[in-house]
Amino acid sequence: MDSFSVWLADDDSSIRWVLEQALRQAGMETRGFEAAQGVSHALGAETPDVLITDIRMPGQNGLSLLDEVRTSHPQLPVIVMTAHSDLESTVAAYQRGAFEYLAKPFDIDYAVDLVRRAALQGGAIGKAEPTVSIPSMIGRAPAMQEVFRAIGRLSGSSMTVLITGESGTGKELIARALHRHSPRADRPFIALNTTAIASELLESELFGHERGAFTGADTRRVGRFEQADGGTLFLDEIGDMSPALQTRLLRVLAEGEFYRVGGQAPLKVDVRVLAATHQELERHVAEGRFREDLYHRLNVVTINSPPLRERRDDIPVLLAHYLDVTAKELGVAPKTLSDEAARRLLAFDWPGNVRQLVNACRRLSVLAPGREIGLQDLPPELGGERGASVESAWAGSLADWAQQSLEEGVTPLLEHALPQFERTLIEVALNRVSGKRQDAAKLLGWGRNTLTRKIKELGIK
């Protein structure tokens, strides 16, 4: 048991009660406050081992309290929590010296462990710095909260970062956020998609060339590394770079200098490199298609940009946000989604990720009649009823059933759904092969004995 003292500042009494009970069971002393002002007054008489504060409270907010504590009690670790999870507040919390950022709802065991680590590490806090205003990155799902935390933790450094993730997940947006929350924020941010330029021209694009270096080189060209001097260079799809360019890039990262194409004198630059890829670079290294030493140079810190299907909690928020953004671009009132359309889009897998969602919002805003977007307005590729694919329609129906079951209090969902799911697939497979169990088992991916057992369990005749 730990005999630490913990103060909790949150205007939500239920949150305070849950945390207080958990912390007391762990042997810690707690004291609750409904507002930041109470904490300020109490700190004049005593100091806890850890302070937990919500961001949004009546009167003084949590970030203002954090600034005050950093001045008056710089060694006091502060954990900031909020239900309104966004990149700006996450980074602001880290930059102002928070020990950690805790997004609601949180796992209570994790919260207790976090408090314990804060108390033991004491003054291991960052230096408060001014925040930078940047465009919103939206994400309440745990996977996006990890991205926000990583950006916040890196906000005071110029480390090389490798950003991984599928196409359309927003890797460049993460790179821009890393730049804008770094010491290089007032210097250039240069982005280059290495697959968008022919391989024979990419060397000149990166490093520049001297006049006469090759046919058509009529003037000297300044490359992207020179343009980004003092700032950040973002190299997207780094996994497709040729071996020769990989070698030149490694030299720049290792020595901070390079030669223009056709140049004789080395050029010194101070550039932070952020790289991104949708490929598995480790596999490319094992297959000899990517230099291992370059991989380790780029992979100082890795941030994974999650696909949209792994952050479904964010889909309704993203849809509402980009429908509103599109309406402002068009100068019209924003459209809303009907409940059926919203459920269908929530169940959709979004293979193109956020980029596909943004384009869908633009398309629906322009083409859907009326103020409300209904199921009939969704195009086939988004699971709309007009010619919807069987897979999308099935997923949408399943989502509708699950939503209705939860509203009616039918739980646990899997116990109700799995028997019907298996029964349906078995009957379809048996009908397809005229009742031949061996053939039906192959269609299902089972052995014959497994199929026979399932038929008996489910009472299929």
Foldseek 3Di string as FASTA:
>chain_A
DDAFEEEEEDLDVVVVVVLCVLLVVVVYHYDYHNHLVVVVVCVVPDDTLEYEYEQDHPDHGPLNSLLVCCVVPVQHAYEYEYQQDWLQVLLQCQQSWHPYYYYPPDDSVVVNVSSVVSSVVGNPTDHHDDGFDDDIDDARFPLVVVLSNVLNVLLADLAFEEEEEDAQLCSVVSVLSSQCSYPLNVFDEAEDEQVVDPLVCVLCQAAWAADPLDPPRNHTGHHPQNRQFSGEYEYEAPLPHAPVVLVQVLCCLVPQWHAHRVGDDIDHGDYRYYYYHHDDVVVCVVVVRHPPSSVCSNVPDYRYRYFCQSRLVCLVVLLQVLQCVLCVVVVHDRAEEDPLLSLLQSLFRPPSGSVVSNVQSNVLSPPPPDRYQYLCSHDQVSQRPPVNDPVSVVSSVVSVVVVVCVVVVNDDPCVVPVLVVVVVLLVVLCVVVVNDQCRSCVVVVHHSVVSVVSCVVSVPD
